[in-house]
Amino acid sequence: EQVGSEVRYVEPGDHVITCLSVFCGYCEYCMSGEPSLCDKRATRRP
């Protein structure tokens, strides 16, 4: 329905599936091809 100012991956109207293995994209696990092991802290509000 809405996207934040820096979001480029999706736009309003896109159909999506959620996944609980949210990933940050730059930790050791994400960069090693194991994003399901990301601790996700960087994806939460401070």
All heavy atoms as atom14 arrays in JSON, in Angstrom:
{
  "sequence": "EQVGSEVRYVEPGDHVITCLSVFCGYCEYCMSGEPSLCDKRATRRP",
  "atom14_mask": [
    [1, 1, 1, 1, 1, 1, 1, 1, 1, 0, 0, 0, 0, 0],
    [1, 1, 1, 1, 1, 1, 1, 1, 1, 0, 0, 0, 0, 0],
    [1, 1, 1, 1, 1, 1, 1, 0, 0, 0, 0, 0, 0, 0],
    [1, 1, 1, 1, 0, 0, 0, 0, 0, 0, 0, 0, 0, 0],
    [1, 1, 1, 1, 1, 1, 0, 0, 0, 0, 0, 0, 0, 0],
    [1, 1, 1, 1, 1, 1, 1, 1, 1, 0, 0, 0, 0, 0],
    [1, 1, 1, 1, 1, 1, 1, 0, 0, 0, 0, 0, 0, 0],
    [1, 1, 1, 1, 1, 1, 1, 1, 1, 1, 1, 0, 0, 0],
    [1, 1, 1, 1, 1, 1, 1, 1, 1, 1, 1, 1, 0, 0],
    [1, 1, 1, 1, 1, 1, 1, 0, 0, 0, 0, 0, 0, 0],
    [1, 1, 1, 1, 1, 1, 1, 1, 1, 0, 0, 0, 0, 0],
    [1, 1, 1, 1, 1, 1, 1, 0, 0, 0, 0, 0, 0, 0],
    [1, 1, 1, 1, 0, 0, 0, 0, 0, 0, 0, 0, 0, 0],
    [1, 1, 1, 1, 1, 1, 1, 1, 0, 0, 0, 0, 0, 0],
    [1, 1, 1, 1, 1, 1, 1, 1, 1, 1, 0, 0, 0, 0],
    [1, 1, 1, 1, 1, 1, 1, 0, 0, 0, 0, 0, 0, 0],
    [1, 1, 1, 1, 1, 1, 1, 1, 0, 0, 0, 0, 0, 0],
    [1, 1, 1, 1, 1, 1, 1, 0, 0, 0, 0, 0, 0, 0],
    [1, 1, 1, 1, 1, 1, 0, 0, 0, 0, 0, 0, 0, 0],
    [1, 1, 1, 1, 1, 1, 1, 1, 0, 0, 0, 0, 0, 0],
    [1, 1, 1, 1, 1, 1, 0, 0, 0, 0, 0, 0, 0, 0],
    [1, 1, 1, 1, 1, 1, 1, 0, 0, 0, 0, 0, 0, 0],
    [1, 1, 1, 1, 1, 1, 1, 1, 1, 1, 1, 0, 0, 0],
    [1, 1, 1, 1, 1, 1, 0, 0, 0, 0, 0, 0, 0, 0],
    [1, 1, 1, 1, 0, 0, 0, 0, 0, 0, 0, 0, 0, 0],
    [1, 1, 1, 1, 1, 1, 1, 1, 1, 1, 1, 1, 0, 0],
    [1, 1, 1, 1, 1, 1, 0, 0, 0, 0, 0, 0, 0, 0],
    [1, 1, 1, 1, 1, 1, 1, 1, 1, 0, 0, 0, 0, 0],
    [1, 1, 1, 1, 1, 1, 1, 1, 1, 1, 1, 1, 0, 0],
    [1, 1, 1, 1, 1, 1, 0, 0, 0, 0, 0, 0, 0, 0],
    [1, 1, 1, 1, 1, 1, 1, 1, 0, 0, 0, 0, 0, 0],
    [1, 1, 1, 1, 1, 1, 0, 0, 0, 0, 0, 0, 0, 0],
    [1, 1, 1, 1, 0, 0, 0, 0, 0, 0, 0, 0, 0, 0],
    [1, 1, 1, 1, 1, 1, 1, 1, 1, 0, 0, 0, 0, 0],
    [1, 1, 1, 1, 1, 1, 1, 0, 0, 0, 0, 0, 0, 0],
    [1, 1, 1, 1, 1, 1, 0, 0, 0, 0, 0, 0, 0, 0],
    [1, 1, 1, 1, 1, 1, 1, 1, 0, 0, 0, 0, 0, 0],
    [1, 1, 1, 1, 1, 1, 0, 0, 0, 0, 0, 0, 0, 0],
    [1, 1, 1, 1, 1, 1, 1, 1, 0, 0, 0, 0, 0, 0],
    [1, 1, 1, 1, 1, 1, 1, 1, 1, 0, 0, 0, 0, 0],
    [1, 1, 1, 1, 1, 1, 1, 1, 1, 1, 1, 0, 0, 0],
    [1, 1, 1, 1, 1, 0, 0, 0, 0, 0, 0, 0, 0, 0],
    [1, 1, 1, 1, 1, 1, 1, 0, 0, 0, 0, 0, 0, 0],
    [1, 1, 1, 1, 1, 1, 1, 1, 1, 1, 1, 0, 0, 0],
    [1, 1, 1, 1, 1, 1, 1, 1, 1, 1, 1, 0, 0, 0],
    [1, 1, 1, 1, 1, 1, 1, 0, 0, 0, 0, 0, 0, 0]
  ],
  "atom14_positions": [
    [[0.81, -1.23, 0.0], [0.0, 0.0, 0.0], [0.83, 1.26, 0.0], [0.53, 2.23, -0.69], [-0.93, 0.01, 1.22], [-2.04, -1.02, 1.16], [-3.11, -0.78, 2.21], [-2.75, -0.4, 3.34], [-4.3, -0.97, 1.89], [0.0, 0.0, 0.0], [0.0, 0.0, 0.0], [0.0, 0.0, 0.0], [0.0, 0.0, 0.0], [0.0, 0.0, 0.0]],
    [[1.93, 1.26, 0.81], [2.81, 2.43, 0.89], [4.25, 1.95, 0.98], [4.51, 0.84, 1.47], [2.49, 3.28, 2.11], [1.11, 3.89, 2.15], [0.87, 4.67, 3.44], [1.79, 5.27, 4.01], [-0.37, 4.66, 3.91], [0.0, 0.0, 0.0], [0.0, 0.0, 0.0], [0.0, 0.0, 0.0], [0.0, 0.0, 0.0], [0.0, 0.0, 0.0]],
    [[5.17, 2.79, 0.54], [6.6, 2.45, 0.65], [7.35, 3.64, 1.22], [6.95, 4.8, 1.03], [7.21, 2.05, -0.71], [6.48, 0.84, -1.29], [7.2, 3.2, -1.7], [0.0, 0.0, 0.0], [0.0, 0.0, 0.0], [0.0, 0.0, 0.0], [0.0, 0.0, 0.0], [0.0, 0.0, 0.0], [0.0, 0.0, 0.0], [0.0, 0.0, 0.0]],
    [[8.46, 3.35, 1.93], [9.31, 4.39, 2.48], [10.13, 5.09, 1.41], [10.23, 4.62, 0.27], [0.0, 0.0, 0.0], [0.0, 0.0, 0.0], [0.0, 0.0, 0.0], [0.0, 0.0, 0.0], [0.0, 0.0, 0.0], [0.0, 0.0, 0.0], [0.0, 0.0, 0.0], [0.0, 0.0, 0.0], [0.0, 0.0, 0.0], [0.0, 0.0, 0.0]],
    [[10.75, 6.19, 1.79], [11.44, 7.07, 0.84], [12.62, 6.4, 0.14], [12.99, 6.79, -0.97], [11.92, 8.33, 1.56], [12.81, 8.0, 2.62], [0.0, 0.0, 0.0], [0.0, 0.0, 0.0], [0.0, 0.0, 0.0], [0.0, 0.0, 0.0], [0.0, 0.0, 0.0], [0.0, 0.0, 0.0], [0.0, 0.0, 0.0], [0.0, 0.0, 0.0]],
    [[13.23, 5.39, 0.76], [14.41, 4.73, 0.18], [14.1, 3.39, -0.47], [15.01, 2.71, -0.96], [15.48, 4.54, 1.26], [15.98, 5.82, 1.9], [16.65, 6.74, 0.89], [17.38, 6.22, 0.02], [16.43, 7.96, 0.95], [0.0, 0.0, 0.0], [0.0, 0.0, 0.0], [0.0, 0.0, 0.0], [0.0, 0.0, 0.0], [0.0, 0.0, 0.0]],
    [[12.86, 2.98, -0.46], [12.49, 1.67, -1.01], [12.47, 1.73, -2.54], [11.84, 2.6, -3.14], [11.1, 1.23, -0.49], [10.66, -0.07, -1.18], [11.15, 1.03, 1.03], [0.0, 0.0, 0.0], [0.0, 0.0, 0.0], [0.0, 0.0, 0.0], [0.0, 0.0, 0.0], [0.0, 0.0, 0.0], [0.0, 0.0, 0.0], [0.0, 0.0, 0.0]],
    [[13.18, 0.79, -3.16], [13.22, 0.7, -4.61], [12.74, -0.65, -5.14], [12.46, -0.79, -6.31], [14.65, 0.94, -5.11], [15.24, 2.28, -4.73], [14.54, 3.43, -5.44], [15.11, 4.72, -5.09], [14.66, 5.49, -4.1], [13.6, 5.1, -3.39], [15.21, 6.65, -3.83], [0.0, 0.0, 0.0], [0.0, 0.0, 0.0], [0.0, 0.0, 0.0]],
    [[12.66, -1.65, -4.25], [12.36, -3.02, -4.68], [10.89, -3.21, -5.05], [10.57, -3.93, -6.0], [12.77, -4.0, -3.57], [12.39, -5.44, -3.82], [12.94, -6.13, -4.89], [11.49, -6.1, -2.98], [12.59, -7.46, -5.14], [11.14, -7.41, -3.21], [11.69, -8.09, -4.29], [11.33, -9.4, -4.52], [0.0, 0.0, 0.0], [0.0, 0.0, 0.0]],
    [[9.98, -2.59, -4.29], [8.55, -2.73, -4.56], [7.91, -1.36, -4.63], [8.49, -0.35, -4.21], [7.83, -3.58, -3.47], [8.28, -5.02, -3.51], [8.05, -2.96, -2.08], [0.0, 0.0, 0.0], [0.0, 0.0, 0.0], [0.0, 0.0, 0.0], [0.0, 0.0, 0.0], [0.0, 0.0, 0.0], [0.0, 0.0, 0.0], [0.0, 0.0, 0.0]],
    [[6.69, -1.34, -5.14], [5.9, -0.12, -5.2], [4.45, -0.46, -4.89], [4.07, -1.65, -4.93], [6.02, 0.54, -6.57], [5.57, -0.33, -7.72], [5.85, 0.3, -9.07], [6.76, 1.14, -9.17], [5.13, -0.06, -10.03], [0.0, 0.0, 0.0], [0.0, 0.0, 0.0], [0.0, 0.0, 0.0], [0.0, 0.0, 0.0], [0.0, 0.0, 0.0]],
    [[3.63, 0.55, -4.57], [2.22, 0.25, -4.25], [1.54, -0.52, -5.38], [1.74, -0.23, -6.56], [1.62, 1.66, -4.09], [2.76, 2.49, -3.58], [3.97, 1.97, -4.32], [0.0, 0.0, 0.0], [0.0, 0.0, 0.0], [0.0, 0.0, 0.0], [0.0, 0.0, 0.0], [0.0, 0.0, 0.0], [0.0, 0.0, 0.0], [0.0, 0.0, 0.0]],
    [[0.76, -1.52, -4.97], [0.07, -2.38, -5.93], [0.77, -3.7, -6.18], [0.15, -4.64, -6.7], [0.0, 0.0, 0.0], [0.0, 0.0, 0.0], [0.0, 0.0, 0.0], [0.0, 0.0, 0.0], [0.0, 0.0, 0.0], [0.0, 0.0, 0.0], [0.0, 0.0, 0.0], [0.0, 0.0, 0.0], [0.0, 0.0, 0.0], [0.0, 0.0, 0.0]],
    [[2.05, -3.82, -5.81], [2.77, -5.08, -5.99], [2.21, -6.15, -5.05], [1.85, -5.87, -3.9], [4.27, -4.91, -5.71], [5.0, -4.24, -6.85], [4.47, -4.21, -7.98], [6.12, -3.73, -6.62], [0.0, 0.0, 0.0], [0.0, 0.0, 0.0], [0.0, 0.0, 0.0], [0.0, 0.0, 0.0], [0.0, 0.0, 0.0], [0.0, 0.0, 0.0]],
    [[2.17, -7.39, -5.54], [1.79, -8.54, -4.72], [3.06, -9.13, -4.11], [4.07, -9.29, -4.8], [1.08, -9.6, -5.57], [-0.28, -9.18, -6.03], [-1.23, -10.09, -6.47], [-0.87, -7.96, -6.1], [-2.33, -9.44, -6.8], [-2.13, -8.16, -6.6], [0.0, 0.0, 0.0], [0.0, 0.0, 0.0], [0.0, 0.0, 0.0], [0.0, 0.0, 0.0]],
    [[2.99, -9.46, -2.83], [4.19, -9.93, -2.13], [3.85, -11.11, -1.22], [2.71, -11.29, -0.79], [4.84, -8.81, -1.28], [5.36, -7.69, -2.17], [3.88, -8.27, -0.22], [0.0, 0.0, 0.0], [0.0, 0.0, 0.0], [0.0, 0.0, 0.0], [0.0, 0.0, 0.0], [0.0, 0.0, 0.0], [0.0, 0.0, 0.0], [0.0, 0.0, 0.0]],
    [[4.89, -11.9, -0.91], [4.86, -12.9, 0.14], [5.82, -12.42, 1.22], [6.93, -11.93, 0.9], [5.31, -14.28, -0.36], [4.46, -14.76, -1.54], [5.27, -15.31, 0.77], [5.0, -16.04, -2.19], [0.0, 0.0, 0.0], [0.0, 0.0, 0.0], [0.0, 0.0, 0.0], [0.0, 0.0, 0.0], [0.0, 0.0, 0.0], [0.0, 0.0, 0.0]],
    [[5.43, -12.55, 2.48], [6.34, -12.22, 3.58], [7.19, -13.44, 3.93], [6.84, -14.57, 3.63], [5.58, -11.78, 4.83], [4.76, -12.87, 5.28], [4.71, -10.57, 4.54], [0.0, 0.0, 0.0], [0.0, 0.0, 0.0], [0.0, 0.0, 0.0], [0.0, 0.0, 0.0], [0.0, 0.0, 0.0], [0.0, 0.0, 0.0], [0.0, 0.0, 0.0]],
    [[8.31, -13.19, 4.6], [9.14, -14.28, 5.1], [9.77, -13.85, 6.41], [10.29, -12.73, 6.52], [10.22, -14.66, 4.09], [11.1, -16.18, 4.55], [0.0, 0.0, 0.0], [0.0, 0.0, 0.0], [0.0, 0.0, 0.0], [0.0, 0.0, 0.0], [0.0, 0.0, 0.0], [0.0, 0.0, 0.0], [0.0, 0.0, 0.0], [0.0, 0.0, 0.0]],
    [[9.73, -14.74, 7.4], [10.26, -14.37, 8.71], [11.78, -14.3, 8.74], [12.37, -13.76, 9.68], [9.72, -15.29, 9.8], [10.08, -16.77, 9.78], [11.4, -17.05, 10.46], [8.98, -17.58, 10.46], [0.0, 0.0, 0.0], [0.0, 0.0, 0.0], [0.0, 0.0, 0.0], [0.0, 0.0, 0.0], [0.0, 0.0, 0.0], [0.0, 0.0, 0.0]],
    [[12.46, -14.86, 7.73], [13.91, -14.73, 7.7], [14.29, -13.43, 7.0], [14.93, -13.4, 5.95], [14.56, -15.94, 7.01], [13.98, -16.19, 5.74], [0.0, 0.0, 0.0], [0.0, 0.0, 0.0], [0.0, 0.0, 0.0], [0.0, 0.0, 0.0], [0.0, 0.0, 0.0], [0.0, 0.0, 0.0], [0.0, 0.0, 0.0], [0.0, 0.0, 0.0]],
    [[13.87, -12.33, 7.65], [14.22, -10.99, 7.17], [15.75, -10.87, 7.15], [16.42, -11.35, 8.07], [13.61, -9.92, 8.09], [13.8, -8.53, 7.51], [12.14, -10.2, 8.34], [0.0, 0.0, 0.0], [0.0, 0.0, 0.0], [0.0, 0.0, 0.0], [0.0, 0.0, 0.0], [0.0, 0.0, 0.0], [0.0, 0.0, 0.0], [0.0, 0.0, 0.0]],
    [[16.3, -10.21, 6.15], [17.76, -10.13, 6.05], [18.21, -8.69, 5.91], [17.49, -7.85, 5.33], [18.25, -10.95, 4.85], [17.75, -10.47, 3.51], [18.5, -9.59, 2.75], [16.52, -10.88, 3.02], [18.04, -9.13, 1.52], [16.05, -10.44, 1.8], [16.81, -9.56, 1.05], [0.0, 0.0, 0.0], [0.0, 0.0, 0.0], [0.0, 0.0, 0.0]],
    [[19.4, -8.4, 6.45], [19.92, -7.03, 6.36], [20.64, -6.79, 5.03], [20.64, -5.69, 4.5], [20.85, -6.74, 7.52], [22.44, -7.63, 7.48], [0.0, 0.0, 0.0], [0.0, 0.0, 0.0], [0.0, 0.0, 0.0], [0.0, 0.0, 0.0], [0.0, 0.0, 0.0], [0.0, 0.0, 0.0], [0.0, 0.0, 0.0], [0.0, 0.0, 0.0]],
    [[21.3, -7.85, 4.52], [21.97, -7.74, 3.23], [23.46, -7.45, 3.29], [24.13, -7.5, 2.26], [0.0, 0.0, 0.0], [0.0, 0.0, 0.0], [0.0, 0.0, 0.0], [0.0, 0.0, 0.0], [0.0, 0.0, 0.0], [0.0, 0.0, 0.0], [0.0, 0.0, 0.0], [0.0, 0.0, 0.0], [0.0, 0.0, 0.0], [0.0, 0.0, 0.0]],
    [[23.99, -7.2, 4.49], [25.41, -6.87, 4.54], [26.18, -7.5, 5.7], [27.38, -7.27, 5.84], [25.62, -5.35, 4.56], [24.84, -4.62, 5.62], [25.25, -4.59, 6.95], [23.69, -3.92, 5.29], [24.55, -3.91, 7.92], [22.96, -3.23, 6.26], [23.4, -3.23, 7.56], [22.68, -2.55, 8.52], [0.0, 0.0, 0.0], [0.0, 0.0, 0.0]],
    [[25.53, -8.29, 6.54], [26.26, -8.96, 7.62], [27.03, -10.16, 7.05], [26.92, -10.5, 5.88], [25.29, -9.41, 8.71], [24.22, -10.79, 8.24], [0.0, 0.0, 0.0], [0.0, 0.0, 0.0], [0.0, 0.0, 0.0], [0.0, 0.0, 0.0], [0.0, 0.0, 0.0], [0.0, 0.0, 0.0], [0.0, 0.0, 0.0], [0.0, 0.0, 0.0]],
    [[27.82, -10.8, 7.91], [28.63, -11.95, 7.47], [27.77, -13.06, 6.89], [28.11, -13.66, 5.87], [29.44, -12.49, 8.65], [30.29, -13.7, 8.29], [31.05, -14.27, 9.47], [31.03, -13.65, 10.56], [31.68, -15.34, 9.31], [0.0, 0.0, 0.0], [0.0, 0.0, 0.0], [0.0, 0.0, 0.0], [0.0, 0.0, 0.0], [0.0, 0.0, 0.0]],
    [[26.62, -13.35, 7.53], [25.76, -14.43, 7.03], [25.16, -14.08, 5.67], [25.15, -14.9, 4.75], [24.64, -14.72, 8.04], [25.15, -15.28, 9.34], [25.1, -14.52, 10.52], [25.69, -16.56, 9.41], [25.57, -15.04, 11.71], [26.17, -17.08, 10.6], [26.1, -16.31, 11.75], [26.58, -16.82, 12.92], [0.0, 0.0, 0.0], [0.0, 0.0, 0.0]],
    [[24.66, -12.86, 5.56], [24.08, -12.44, 4.27], [25.13, -12.48, 3.17], [24.86, -12.96, 2.06], [23.49, -11.04, 4.39], [21.96, -10.94, 5.36], [0.0, 0.0, 0.0], [0.0, 0.0, 0.0], [0.0, 0.0, 0.0], [0.0, 0.0, 0.0], [0.0, 0.0, 0.0], [0.0, 0.0, 0.0], [0.0, 0.0, 0.0], [0.0, 0.0, 0.0]],
    [[26.33, -11.99, 3.47], [27.38, -11.93, 2.46], [27.98, -13.3, 2.16], [28.67, -13.47, 1.16], [28.48, -10.96, 2.89], [28.01, -9.52, 3.04], [27.28, -8.87, 1.53], [28.71, -8.8, 0.46], [0.0, 0.0, 0.0], [0.0, 0.0, 0.0], [0.0, 0.0, 0.0], [0.0, 0.0, 0.0], [0.0, 0.0, 0.0], [0.0, 0.0, 0.0]],
    [[27.72, -14.29, 3.03], [28.22, -15.65, 2.82], [27.17, -16.55, 2.18], [27.36, -17.77, 2.1], [28.67, -16.26, 4.15], [29.7, -15.49, 4.74], [0.0, 0.0, 0.0], [0.0, 0.0, 0.0], [0.0, 0.0, 0.0], [0.0, 0.0, 0.0], [0.0, 0.0, 0.0], [0.0, 0.0, 0.0], [0.0, 0.0, 0.0], [0.0, 0.0, 0.0]],
    [[26.06, -15.98, 1.75], [25.02, -16.78, 1.1], [24.11, -17.51, 2.06], [23.44, -18.47, 1.66], [0.0, 0.0, 0.0], [0.0, 0.0, 0.0], [0.0, 0.0, 0.0], [0.0, 0.0, 0.0], [0.0, 0.0, 0.0], [0.0, 0.0, 0.0], [0.0, 0.0, 0.0], [0.0, 0.0, 0.0], [0.0, 0.0, 0.0], [0.0, 0.0, 0.0]],
    [[24.05, -17.07, 3.33], [23.18, -17.68, 4.32], [22.26, -16.63, 4.95], [22.24, -16.45, 6.16], [24.01, -18.37, 5.41], [24.89, -19.49, 4.91], [25.72, -20.11, 6.01], [26.59, -19.41, 6.58], [25.48, -21.29, 6.32], [0.0, 0.0, 0.0], [0.0, 0.0, 0.0], [0.0, 0.0, 0.0], [0.0, 0.0, 0.0], [0.0, 0.0, 0.0]],
    [[21.46, -15.92, 4.15], [20.64, -14.83, 4.7], [19.61, -15.29, 5.72], [19.16, -14.49, 6.53], [19.97, -14.24, 3.45], [19.98, -15.35, 2.44], [21.27, -16.09, 2.7], [0.0, 0.0, 0.0], [0.0, 0.0, 0.0], [0.0, 0.0, 0.0], [0.0, 0.0, 0.0], [0.0, 0.0, 0.0], [0.0, 0.0, 0.0], [0.0, 0.0, 0.0]],
    [[19.23, -16.58, 5.69], [18.26, -17.06, 6.67], [18.82, -17.05, 8.09], [18.06, -17.17, 9.06], [17.78, -18.48, 6.32], [18.85, -19.4, 6.37], [0.0, 0.0, 0.0], [0.0, 0.0, 0.0], [0.0, 0.0, 0.0], [0.0, 0.0, 0.0], [0.0, 0.0, 0.0], [0.0, 0.0, 0.0], [0.0, 0.0, 0.0], [0.0, 0.0, 0.0]],
    [[20.14, -16.9, 8.24], [20.77, -16.86, 9.56], [21.03, -15.44, 10.04], [21.55, -15.25, 11.14], [22.09, -17.64, 9.54], [21.99, -19.14, 9.21], [23.37, -19.78, 9.21], [21.08, -19.85, 10.2], [0.0, 0.0, 0.0], [0.0, 0.0, 0.0], [0.0, 0.0, 0.0], [0.0, 0.0, 0.0], [0.0, 0.0, 0.0], [0.0, 0.0, 0.0]],
    [[20.67, -14.44, 9.25], [20.86, -13.04, 9.64], [20.14, -12.77, 10.96], [19.02, -13.25, 11.18], [20.32, -12.14, 8.54], [20.42, -10.36, 8.91], [0.0, 0.0, 0.0], [0.0, 0.0, 0.0], [0.0, 0.0, 0.0], [0.0, 0.0, 0.0], [0.0, 0.0, 0.0], [0.0, 0.0, 0.0], [0.0, 0.0, 0.0], [0.0, 0.0, 0.0]],
    [[20.79, -11.99, 11.86], [20.14, -11.72, 13.15], [19.06, -10.63, 13.05], [18.33, -10.39, 14.02], [21.16, -11.36, 14.22], [21.86, -10.03, 13.99], [21.4, -9.23, 13.15], [22.88, -9.78, 14.65], [0.0, 0.0, 0.0], [0.0, 0.0, 0.0], [0.0, 0.0, 0.0], [0.0, 0.0, 0.0], [0.0, 0.0, 0.0], [0.0, 0.0, 0.0]],
    [[18.96, -9.95, 11.92], [17.86, -9.03, 11.58], [17.85, -7.75, 12.39], [16.96, -6.91, 12.2], [16.51, -9.73, 11.71], [16.39, -11.03, 10.94], [15.0, -11.61, 11.01], [14.71, -12.27, 12.34], [13.42, -13.0, 12.34], [0.0, 0.0, 0.0], [0.0, 0.0, 0.0], [0.0, 0.0, 0.0], [0.0, 0.0, 0.0], [0.0, 0.0, 0.0]],
    [[18.81, -7.55, 13.3], [18.74, -6.37, 14.15], [18.75, -5.08, 13.35], [18.08, -4.11, 13.69], [19.91, -6.38, 15.15], [19.69, -7.33, 16.32], [20.83, -7.31, 17.29], [22.04, -7.88, 16.71], [23.16, -8.09, 17.39], [23.22, -7.77, 18.67], [24.22, -8.63, 16.81], [0.0, 0.0, 0.0], [0.0, 0.0, 0.0], [0.0, 0.0, 0.0]],
    [[19.5, -5.07, 12.25], [19.6, -3.86, 11.44], [18.32, -3.54, 10.69], [18.18, -2.45, 10.12], [20.76, -3.99, 10.45], [0.0, 0.0, 0.0], [0.0, 0.0, 0.0], [0.0, 0.0, 0.0], [0.0, 0.0, 0.0], [0.0, 0.0, 0.0], [0.0, 0.0, 0.0], [0.0, 0.0, 0.0], [0.0, 0.0, 0.0], [0.0, 0.0, 0.0]],
    [[17.36, -4.49, 10.67], [16.11, -4.26, 9.95], [15.0, -3.75, 10.87], [13.89, -3.5, 10.41], [15.63, -5.56, 9.26], [15.23, -6.51, 10.26], [16.73, -6.16, 8.4], [0.0, 0.0, 0.0], [0.0, 0.0, 0.0], [0.0, 0.0, 0.0], [0.0, 0.0, 0.0], [0.0, 0.0, 0.0], [0.0, 0.0, 0.0], [0.0, 0.0, 0.0]],
    [[15.31, -3.59, 12.15], [14.31, -3.14, 13.12], [14.5, -1.65, 13.43], [15.57, -1.09, 13.21], [14.42, -3.96, 14.41], [14.16, -5.44, 14.19], [14.52, -6.27, 15.39], [14.33, -7.69, 15.12], [15.04, -8.66, 15.69], [15.99, -8.36, 16.55], [14.81, -9.92, 15.38], [0.0, 0.0, 0.0], [0.0, 0.0, 0.0], [0.0, 0.0, 0.0]],
    [[13.47, -1.05, 13.95], [13.58, 0.35, 14.36], [14.5, 0.46, 15.58], [14.48, -0.41, 16.46], [12.2, 0.93, 14.68], [11.36, 1.15, 13.45], [10.11, 1.95, 13.71], [9.47, 2.33, 12.45], [8.35, 3.04, 12.36], [7.73, 3.44, 13.48], [7.85, 3.34, 11.18], [0.0, 0.0, 0.0], [0.0, 0.0, 0.0], [0.0, 0.0, 0.0]],
    [[15.31, 1.51, 15.64], [16.24, 1.65, 16.77], [15.51, 1.85, 18.09], [14.37, 2.32, 18.12], [17.07, 2.88, 16.39], [16.23, 3.64, 15.43], [15.44, 2.61, 14.68], [0.0, 0.0, 0.0], [0.0, 0.0, 0.0], [0.0, 0.0, 0.0], [0.0, 0.0, 0.0], [0.0, 0.0, 0.0], [0.0, 0.0, 0.0], [0.0, 0.0, 0.0]]
  ]
}
